[in-house]
Amino acid sequence: MKQPSPPPVLAQVHQELAQICPSKVADPRPGPAIPSLEAKDGSNAYQHLHVPVRIMDDFLRLARSNTERNLETCGVLAGSLKNRVFHITTLIIPKQESTSDSCQTLNEEEIFEVQDRLSLFPLGWIHTHPTQTCFMSSVDLHTHYSYQIMLPEAVAIVMAPTDESTPHGIFHLSDPSGVSVIRNCQQRGFHPHEESEDGNPIYEHCSHVFLNAKLKYEVLDLR
């Protein structure tokens, strides 16, 4: 079965003002990793997902020329499912246009063709914050929503080379709290979000992700 894949688009942004009471604005920082809840059948709510240890450094190397010019870079993380464990095996760098706080893919059909040809699952995306801290902006949250509604295990990796305290983070939307907030948000561009009904963070560090030093992967640079 062919797997659909959303492009890792950080859309061109336009400043918008949301009418949210200041006391109701969600904290833009990620929540802590929450252990997967046990499902009724005794299995974990999320399948484990293995990330190659070196893939983040390799991505930073490929993004270096953009980073030095204060331009974002984005890529797609794809892979396979084996013995009920997802493995990221391919980093796809699509053609793209970037600014200091946005990145938009071009020729997105090339991404779909690669994933179909290699029978890959879209397991998430990765992008840089050249000069900002390691967090997910409102635009990032909406981008990741399109991945996570297709595959709950999908991850968003943020690389922030100038953030000495947290140079990278692996995040996903909290479910159901964050998923519900983003699903019901009609705004685009950079904007504040209203806090979730239960007060939980909109997004959080992943608890189902494991860094795997033995996992092999390939890089497909389509630029």
C-alpha atoms as a PDB file:
ATOM      1  CA  MET A   1       0.000   0.000   0.000  1.00  0.00           C
ATOM      2  CA  LYS A   2       1.378   3.382  -0.939  1.00  0.00           C
ATOM      3  CA  GLN A   3       1.866   5.730   1.973  1.00  0.00           C
ATOM      4  CA  PRO A   4       0.739   9.357   1.541  1.00  0.00           C
ATOM      5  CA  SER A   5       3.188  11.949   2.761  1.00  0.00           C
ATOM      6  CA  PRO A   6       2.709  15.608   3.669  1.00  0.00           C
ATOM      7  CA  PRO A   7       5.539  17.906   2.625  1.00  0.00           C
ATOM      8  CA  PRO A   8       7.574  19.464   5.437  1.00  0.00           C
ATOM      9  CA  VAL A   9       6.347  22.933   4.565  1.00  0.00           C
ATOM     10  CA  LEU A  10       6.946  25.886   6.799  1.00  0.00           C
ATOM     11  CA  ALA A  11       4.594  28.202   4.982  1.00  0.00           C
ATOM     12  CA  GLN A  12       5.393  31.817   4.206  1.00  0.00           C
ATOM     13  CA  VAL A  13       4.390  33.579   7.374  1.00  0.00           C
ATOM     14  CA  HIS A  14       2.235  36.626   7.947  1.00  0.00           C
ATOM     15  CA  GLN A  15       1.894  38.188  11.368  1.00  0.00           C
ATOM     16  CA  GLU A  16      -1.551  37.611  12.800  1.00  0.00           C
ATOM     17  CA  LEU A  17      -2.964  38.714  16.140  1.00  0.00           C
ATOM     18  CA  ALA A  18      -5.082  36.247  18.039  1.00  0.00           C
ATOM     19  CA  GLN A  19      -7.683  37.474  20.483  1.00  0.00           C
ATOM     20  CA  ILE A  20      -6.675  35.271  23.397  1.00  0.00           C
ATOM     21  CA  CYS A  21      -6.753  36.336  27.006  1.00  0.00           C
ATOM     22  CA  PRO A  22      -3.112  36.584  28.147  1.00  0.00           C
ATOM     23  CA  SER A  23      -3.789  34.210  31.017  1.00  0.00           C
ATOM     24  CA  LYS A  24      -5.038  31.600  28.523  1.00  0.00           C
ATOM     25  CA  VAL A  25      -2.051  31.701  26.142  1.00  0.00           C
ATOM     26  CA  ALA A  26      -0.278  28.348  25.985  1.00  0.00           C
ATOM     27  CA  ASP A  27       3.305  28.053  27.154  1.00  0.00           C
ATOM     28  CA  PRO A  28       5.491  27.894  23.992  1.00  0.00           C
ATOM     29  CA  ARG A  29       7.967  25.563  25.718  1.00  0.00           C
ATOM     30  CA  PRO A  30       7.743  21.777  25.365  1.00  0.00           C
ATOM     31  CA  GLY A  31       6.443  19.568  28.099  1.00  0.00           C
ATOM     32  CA  PRO A  32       8.474  16.686  29.539  1.00  0.00           C
ATOM     33  CA  ALA A  33       8.443  13.244  27.967  1.00  0.00           C
ATOM     34  CA  ILE A  34       5.403  11.337  29.199  1.00  0.00           C
ATOM     35  CA  PRO A  35       5.707   7.528  29.243  1.00  0.00           C
ATOM     36  CA  SER A  36       3.380   5.862  26.755  1.00  0.00           C
ATOM     37  CA  LEU A  37       0.065   4.979  28.316  1.00  0.00           C
ATOM     38  CA  GLU A  38      -0.805   1.320  28.421  1.00  0.00           C
ATOM     39  CA  ALA A  39      -3.502   0.457  25.929  1.00  0.00           C
ATOM     40  CA  LYS A  40      -6.435  -1.741  26.871  1.00  0.00           C
ATOM     41  CA  ASP A  41      -4.851  -4.751  25.170  1.00  0.00           C
ATOM     42  CA  GLY A  42      -1.658  -4.306  27.208  1.00  0.00           C
ATOM     43  CA  SER A  43       0.458  -2.870  24.395  1.00  0.00           C
ATOM     44  CA  ASN A  44       2.016   0.590  24.380  1.00  0.00           C
ATOM     45  CA  ALA A  45       0.042   3.468  22.915  1.00  0.00           C
ATOM     46  CA  TYR A  46       3.039   4.303  20.692  1.00  0.00           C
ATOM     47  CA  GLN A  47       5.266   1.880  18.840  1.00  0.00           C
ATOM     48  CA  HIS A  48       8.945   2.476  19.508  1.00  0.00           C
ATOM     49  CA  LEU A  49      10.809   4.545  16.923  1.00  0.00           C
ATOM     50  CA  HIS A  50      14.567   4.257  16.432  1.00  0.00           C
ATOM     51  CA  VAL A  51      16.584   7.237  15.187  1.00  0.00           C
ATOM     52  CA  PRO A  52      20.158   6.776  13.888  1.00  0.00           C
ATOM     53  CA  VAL A  53      22.563   8.568  16.224  1.00  0.00           C
ATOM     54  CA  ARG A  54      24.548  10.266  13.443  1.00  0.00           C
ATOM     55  CA  ILE A  55      21.615  11.422  11.323  1.00  0.00           C
ATOM     56  CA  MET A  56      21.275  14.725  13.174  1.00  0.00           C
ATOM     57  CA  ASP A  57      24.955  15.627  12.770  1.00  0.00           C
ATOM     58  CA  ASP A  58      24.825  14.683   9.100  1.00  0.00           C
ATOM     59  CA  PHE A  59      21.770  16.869   8.619  1.00  0.00           C
ATOM     60  CA  LEU A  60      23.545  19.813  10.270  1.00  0.00           C
ATOM     61  CA  ARG A  61      26.484  19.278   7.927  1.00  0.00           C
ATOM     62  CA  LEU A  62      24.181  19.332   4.892  1.00  0.00           C
ATOM     63  CA  ALA A  63      22.459  22.458   6.249  1.00  0.00           C
ATOM     64  CA  ARG A  64      25.677  24.302   7.140  1.00  0.00           C
ATOM     65  CA  SER A  65      25.764  26.634   4.132  1.00  0.00           C
ATOM     66  CA  ASN A  66      22.184  27.728   4.853  1.00  0.00           C
ATOM     67  CA  THR A  67      22.811  27.982   8.586  1.00  0.00           C
ATOM     68  CA  GLU A  68      25.794  30.269   8.036  1.00  0.00           C
ATOM     69  CA  ARG A  69      23.488  32.580   6.054  1.00  0.00           C
ATOM     70  CA  ASN A  70      20.767  32.402   8.732  1.00  0.00           C
ATOM     71  CA  LEU A  71      18.468  30.332   6.530  1.00  0.00           C
ATOM     72  CA  GLU A  72      16.422  27.370   7.699  1.00  0.00           C
ATOM     73  CA  THR A  73      16.797  23.905   6.179  1.00  0.00           C
ATOM     74  CA  CYS A  74      14.239  21.109   6.309  1.00  0.00           C
ATOM     75  CA  GLY A  75      14.189  17.418   5.489  1.00  0.00           C
ATOM     76  CA  VAL A  76      11.902  14.392   5.586  1.00  0.00           C
ATOM     77  CA  LEU A  77      12.526  11.395   7.850  1.00  0.00           C
ATOM     78  CA  ALA A  78      11.334   8.132   6.333  1.00  0.00           C
ATOM     79  CA  GLY A  79      11.791   4.491   7.167  1.00  0.00           C
ATOM     80  CA  SER A  80      10.334   1.081   7.807  1.00  0.00           C
ATOM     81  CA  LEU A  81       8.395  -0.981  10.336  1.00  0.00           C
ATOM     82  CA  LYS A  82       9.980  -4.213  11.531  1.00  0.00           C
ATOM     83  CA  ASN A  83       8.881  -6.340  14.466  1.00  0.00           C
ATOM     84  CA  ARG A  84       6.516  -3.556  15.560  1.00  0.00           C
ATOM     85  CA  VAL A  85       9.354  -1.032  15.750  1.00  0.00           C
ATOM     86  CA  PHE A  86       9.733   1.917  13.390  1.00  0.00           C
ATOM     87  CA  HIS A  87      13.244   2.605  12.075  1.00  0.00           C
ATOM     88  CA  ILE A  88      14.284   5.834  10.363  1.00  0.00           C
ATOM     89  CA  THR A  89      16.400   4.633   7.456  1.00  0.00           C
ATOM     90  CA  THR A  90      16.297   7.543   5.019  1.00  0.00           C
ATOM     91  CA  LEU A  91      16.865  11.289   5.244  1.00  0.00           C
ATOM     92  CA  ILE A  92      15.405  13.107   2.238  1.00  0.00           C
ATOM     93  CA  ILE A  93      16.504  16.693   1.587  1.00  0.00           C
ATOM     94  CA  PRO A  94      14.009  18.183  -0.891  1.00  0.00           C
ATOM     95  CA  LYS A  95      14.457  21.211  -3.099  1.00  0.00           C
ATOM     96  CA  GLN A  96      13.412  24.163  -0.969  1.00  0.00           C
ATOM     97  CA  GLU A  97      13.229  27.903  -0.453  1.00  0.00           C
ATOM     98  CA  SER A  98      14.178  29.319   2.930  1.00  0.00           C
ATOM     99  CA  THR A  99      14.191  32.408   5.080  1.00  0.00           C
ATOM    100  CA  SER A 100      15.498  32.930   8.619  1.00  0.00           C
ATOM    101  CA  ASP A 101      12.286  31.488  10.071  1.00  0.00           C
ATOM    102  CA  SER A 102      10.625  29.505   7.294  1.00  0.00           C
ATOM    103  CA  CYS A 103      11.358  26.757   4.813  1.00  0.00           C
ATOM    104  CA  GLN A 104       9.126  25.694   1.927  1.00  0.00           C
ATOM    105  CA  THR A 105       9.651  22.598  -0.180  1.00  0.00           C
ATOM    106  CA  LEU A 106       9.620  22.661  -3.972  1.00  0.00           C
ATOM    107  CA  ASN A 107       8.858  19.808  -6.400  1.00  0.00           C
ATOM    108  CA  GLU A 108       7.111  17.902  -3.629  1.00  0.00           C
ATOM    109  CA  GLU A 109       6.193  15.110  -6.031  1.00  0.00           C
ATOM    110  CA  GLU A 110       9.847  14.036  -5.871  1.00  0.00           C
ATOM    111  CA  ILE A 111       9.451  13.284  -2.160  1.00  0.00           C
ATOM    112  CA  PHE A 112       6.358  11.163  -2.803  1.00  0.00           C
ATOM    113  CA  GLU A 113       8.099   9.298  -5.639  1.00  0.00           C
ATOM    114  CA  VAL A 114      11.085   8.393  -3.462  1.00  0.00           C
ATOM    115  CA  GLN A 115       8.913   7.127  -0.611  1.00  0.00           C
ATOM    116  CA  ASP A 116       6.711   5.106  -2.957  1.00  0.00           C
ATOM    117  CA  ARG A 117       9.652   3.628  -4.864  1.00  0.00           C
ATOM    118  CA  LEU A 118      11.437   2.562  -1.689  1.00  0.00           C
ATOM    119  CA  SER A 119       8.237   1.598   0.201  1.00  0.00           C
ATOM    120  CA  LEU A 120       9.015   3.996   3.033  1.00  0.00           C
ATOM    121  CA  PHE A 121       6.787   5.291   5.807  1.00  0.00           C
ATOM    122  CA  PRO A 122       6.857   9.071   6.416  1.00  0.00           C
ATOM    123  CA  LEU A 123       8.096   9.026  10.010  1.00  0.00           C
ATOM    124  CA  GLY A 124       8.520  12.743  10.559  1.00  0.00           C
ATOM    125  CA  TRP A 125      10.631  15.698   9.610  1.00  0.00           C
ATOM    126  CA  ILE A 126      13.691  17.636  10.702  1.00  0.00           C
ATOM    127  CA  HIS A 127      14.587  21.310  10.411  1.00  0.00           C
ATOM    128  CA  THR A 128      17.029  23.881  11.702  1.00  0.00           C
ATOM    129  CA  HIS A 129      16.628  26.997  13.804  1.00  0.00           C
ATOM    130  CA  PRO A 130      19.836  28.758  12.700  1.00  0.00           C
ATOM    131  CA  THR A 131      19.847  31.421  15.424  1.00  0.00           C
ATOM    132  CA  GLN A 132      16.809  30.628  17.579  1.00  0.00           C
ATOM    133  CA  THR A 133      16.445  28.338  20.549  1.00  0.00           C
ATOM    134  CA  CYS A 134      15.232  24.746  20.388  1.00  0.00           C
ATOM    135  CA  PHE A 135      11.444  24.867  20.399  1.00  0.00           C
ATOM    136  CA  MET A 136       8.514  24.408  18.037  1.00  0.00           C
ATOM    137  CA  SER A 137       6.918  27.565  16.695  1.00  0.00           C
ATOM    138  CA  SER A 138       3.223  27.776  15.921  1.00  0.00           C
ATOM    139  CA  VAL A 139       4.054  27.174  12.250  1.00  0.00           C
ATOM    140  CA  ASP A 140       6.074  24.096  13.219  1.00  0.00           C
ATOM    141  CA  LEU A 141       3.173  22.756  15.270  1.00  0.00           C
ATOM    142  CA  HIS A 142       0.767  23.040  12.345  1.00  0.00           C
ATOM    143  CA  THR A 143       3.305  21.404  10.033  1.00  0.00           C
ATOM    144  CA  HIS A 144       3.799  18.503  12.400  1.00  0.00           C
ATOM    145  CA  TYR A 145       0.061  18.030  12.869  1.00  0.00           C
ATOM    146  CA  SER A 146      -0.195  16.834   9.259  1.00  0.00           C
ATOM    147  CA  TYR A 147       2.371  14.123  10.004  1.00  0.00           C
ATOM    148  CA  GLN A 148       1.026  13.029  13.361  1.00  0.00           C
ATOM    149  CA  ILE A 149      -2.594  12.590  12.292  1.00  0.00           C
ATOM    150  CA  MET A 150      -1.378  10.102   9.669  1.00  0.00           C
ATOM    151  CA  LEU A 151       1.064   8.318  11.985  1.00  0.00           C
ATOM    152  CA  PRO A 152       0.882   8.923  15.753  1.00  0.00           C
ATOM    153  CA  GLU A 153       4.560   7.950  16.135  1.00  0.00           C
ATOM    154  CA  ALA A 154       5.781  10.678  13.735  1.00  0.00           C
ATOM    155  CA  VAL A 155       8.415  12.986  15.203  1.00  0.00           C
ATOM    156  CA  ALA A 156       9.684  16.515  14.647  1.00  0.00           C
ATOM    157  CA  ILE A 157      13.409  17.028  15.195  1.00  0.00           C
ATOM    158  CA  VAL A 158      14.563  20.608  15.742  1.00  0.00           C
ATOM    159  CA  MET A 159      18.266  21.405  15.381  1.00  0.00           C
ATOM    160  CA  ALA A 160      19.336  24.632  17.097  1.00  0.00           C
ATOM    161  CA  PRO A 161      23.140  24.868  16.742  1.00  0.00           C
ATOM    162  CA  THR A 162      23.404  28.170  18.632  1.00  0.00           C
ATOM    163  CA  ASP A 163      21.358  26.946  21.612  1.00  0.00           C
ATOM    164  CA  GLU A 164      24.083  25.745  23.967  1.00  0.00           C
ATOM    165  CA  SER A 165      21.661  24.369  26.548  1.00  0.00           C
ATOM    166  CA  THR A 166      19.491  22.380  24.114  1.00  0.00           C
ATOM    167  CA  PRO A 167      21.102  22.008  20.661  1.00  0.00           C
ATOM    168  CA  HIS A 168      18.433  19.578  19.488  1.00  0.00           C
ATOM    169  CA  GLY A 169      15.024  18.251  20.498  1.00  0.00           C
ATOM    170  CA  ILE A 170      12.728  15.435  19.358  1.00  0.00           C
ATOM    171  CA  PHE A 171       9.105  16.452  19.802  1.00  0.00           C
ATOM    172  CA  HIS A 172       5.518  15.538  19.057  1.00  0.00           C
ATOM    173  CA  LEU A 173       2.098  16.973  19.847  1.00  0.00           C
ATOM    174  CA  SER A 174       0.608  15.866  23.134  1.00  0.00           C
ATOM    175  CA  ASP A 175      -2.372  13.637  22.497  1.00  0.00           C
ATOM    176  CA  PRO A 176      -5.180  14.414  22.911  1.00  0.00           C
ATOM    177  CA  SER A 177      -4.411  17.861  24.374  1.00  0.00           C
ATOM    178  CA  GLY A 178      -2.140  19.391  21.732  1.00  0.00           C
ATOM    179  CA  VAL A 179      -3.684  17.524  18.818  1.00  0.00           C
ATOM    180  CA  SER A 180      -7.075  19.003  19.706  1.00  0.00           C
ATOM    181  CA  VAL A 181      -5.699  22.555  19.996  1.00  0.00           C
ATOM    182  CA  ILE A 182      -4.014  22.456  16.591  1.00  0.00           C
ATOM    183  CA  ARG A 183      -6.952  20.684  14.941  1.00  0.00           C
ATOM    184  CA  ASN A 184      -9.287  23.482  16.031  1.00  0.00           C
ATOM    185  CA  CYS A 185      -6.913  26.354  15.213  1.00  0.00           C
ATOM    186  CA  GLN A 186      -7.702  28.138  11.944  1.00  0.00           C
ATOM    187  CA  GLN A 187      -4.848  30.652  12.060  1.00  0.00           C
ATOM    188  CA  ARG A 188      -1.746  30.549   9.926  1.00  0.00           C
ATOM    189  CA  GLY A 189       1.667  32.103  10.254  1.00  0.00           C
ATOM    190  CA  PHE A 190       3.168  32.868  13.659  1.00  0.00           C
ATOM    191  CA  HIS A 191       0.502  33.229  16.339  1.00  0.00           C
ATOM    192  CA  PRO A 192      -0.115  32.315  19.979  1.00  0.00           C
ATOM    193  CA  HIS A 193      -2.214  29.283  20.807  1.00  0.00           C
ATOM    194  CA  GLU A 194      -4.788  29.001  23.536  1.00  0.00           C
ATOM    195  CA  GLU A 195      -3.820  26.528  26.234  1.00  0.00           C
ATOM    196  CA  SER A 196      -5.428  23.103  26.107  1.00  0.00           C
ATOM    197  CA  GLU A 197      -8.608  22.404  28.043  1.00  0.00           C
ATOM    198  CA  ASP A 198      -6.773  20.238  30.560  1.00  0.00           C
ATOM    199  CA  GLY A 199      -3.824  22.619  30.862  1.00  0.00           C
ATOM    200  CA  ASN A 200      -1.299  20.138  29.452  1.00  0.00           C
ATOM    201  CA  PRO A 201       1.482  21.410  27.130  1.00  0.00           C
ATOM    202  CA  ILE A 202       0.616  21.480  23.436  1.00  0.00           C
ATOM    203  CA  TYR A 203       3.762  19.564  22.527  1.00  0.00           C
ATOM    204  CA  GLU A 204       6.307  17.524  24.428  1.00  0.00           C
ATOM    205  CA  HIS A 205       9.573  15.627  24.262  1.00  0.00           C
ATOM    206  CA  CYS A 206       9.064  12.124  22.862  1.00  0.00           C
ATOM    207  CA  SER A 207       9.193   9.141  25.200  1.00  0.00           C
ATOM    208  CA  HIS A 208       8.896   6.482  22.468  1.00  0.00           C
ATOM    209  CA  VAL A 209      12.098   7.465  20.615  1.00  0.00           C
ATOM    210  CA  PHE A 210      15.438   5.673  20.985  1.00  0.00           C
ATOM    211  CA  LEU A 211      18.770   6.776  19.536  1.00  0.00           C
ATOM    212  CA  ASN A 212      20.340   3.772  17.805  1.00  0.00           C
ATOM    213  CA  ALA A 213      24.089   3.802  17.096  1.00  0.00           C
ATOM    214  CA  LYS A 214      23.884   0.646  14.953  1.00  0.00           C
ATOM    215  CA  LEU A 215      21.045   1.736  12.686  1.00  0.00           C
ATOM    216  CA  LYS A 216      22.195   2.371   9.110  1.00  0.00           C
ATOM    217  CA  TYR A 217      20.588   5.027   6.931  1.00  0.00           C
ATOM    218  CA  GLU A 218      21.017   6.771   3.622  1.00  0.00           C
ATOM    219  CA  VAL A 219      20.790  10.417   2.632  1.00  0.00           C
ATOM    220  CA  LEU A 220      18.954  11.436  -0.533  1.00  0.00           C
ATOM    221  CA  ASP A 221      19.717  15.079  -1.333  1.00  0.00           C
ATOM    222  CA  LEU A 222      17.302  16.178  -4.049  1.00  0.00           C
ATOM    223  CA  ARG A 223      18.457  19.803  -4.177  1.00  0.00           C
END
